[in-house]
Amino acid sequence: MKKHYDAARVKREVPLEPIPAEVRAQYLRPGELLAIQEQFPVAYQPLGTLEWHGRHNPLGVDSLKAERLCLEAARRTGGVVMPAIHFAADAHWDAGFGIGYGMDATAGYALPGSFYSIDTKLFAALLENACRNYLSRGFRLVVLISGHNPSIQQNVIDEVCYRLGREDGMEPVVFSMDYTLMEPDDPLRASDHAAAIETSMMLHLHGDRVNMATNDGHEREHLGVGGERPYSAATAAEGELRLQRQVDGLVRFAGGRYARMLSFDDSYEG
């Protein structure tokens, strides 16, 4: 059999269906997927973690942020949202208790619920293979969006995007942190770890899963939490505003990168 994706044969044997309201890959039928790809062949890949985000937040904060951001953008632009990847890159560092991994370093011990650790090279290989899968079966652009924001995450994924770049200079895989999708001069363009910013996002997205009272009476109230403003300053209204601005930014980012690819290919072929 042929090793490459035979789009012509697929088209003959898998009839297109009407484009659905659903954008999540795992819920789409093949004919719906093909119809979406024909209109806007872009795969959104949310990246996050299962990780301690204070006593008061759910473990999936990073993934939940990235997934909802991708869903809202795809509903406006078209495209397909892949299931979130919960492994991520993080750094070992010393916050005064000896060297620890990620936010464990701020606690002085391994915090419960942090299940995202993976060898950095393996993480990069996972992302690269996922993107190659998407690009080999009908997608022309992959947009990676991370709700997990340490600099090492940025560095690893930037390298993945570079390795997947085409010889002609075009980039079929692009990446952004969630918060950097906001305009550069936006005063809300910032992130934290389980403090006012991320807790605001959770109050908006999944308020029933936030419980501030879990910190009451503890000497280390802010255990494994980091940010300029305390989690107690969080509001659902702030979380909603942040999400709206990030979605607007992702719509611009994905639409602009896809338009650039079309223009580049047209000029290259011409």
Foldseek 3Di string as FASTA:
>chain_A
DDPFADVVVCCVPAAADPADLDQEPVPDDPNNQQVLLVQAQEEEEEEEAQDDQAPFFGSTLWRLLRQVLVSLLCSVQTHHYYRYDHAFDWDWDAPPLDTDTQLCNVQNHDDPGGPHYDPLVVVLVVVLVVLVVSCRHRHQAYEYETSDDDVVRVVSVVVSQVVQADPVGAGRYYYDYLLVLADPPDPSSDDWGNAQASLLLCCQRPVVRGDLCVLPPDPCSQRSTTDDHGNVNHHVVNSVVSSVRSSVSVNCVSVVSSVVVVVVVVVVVD
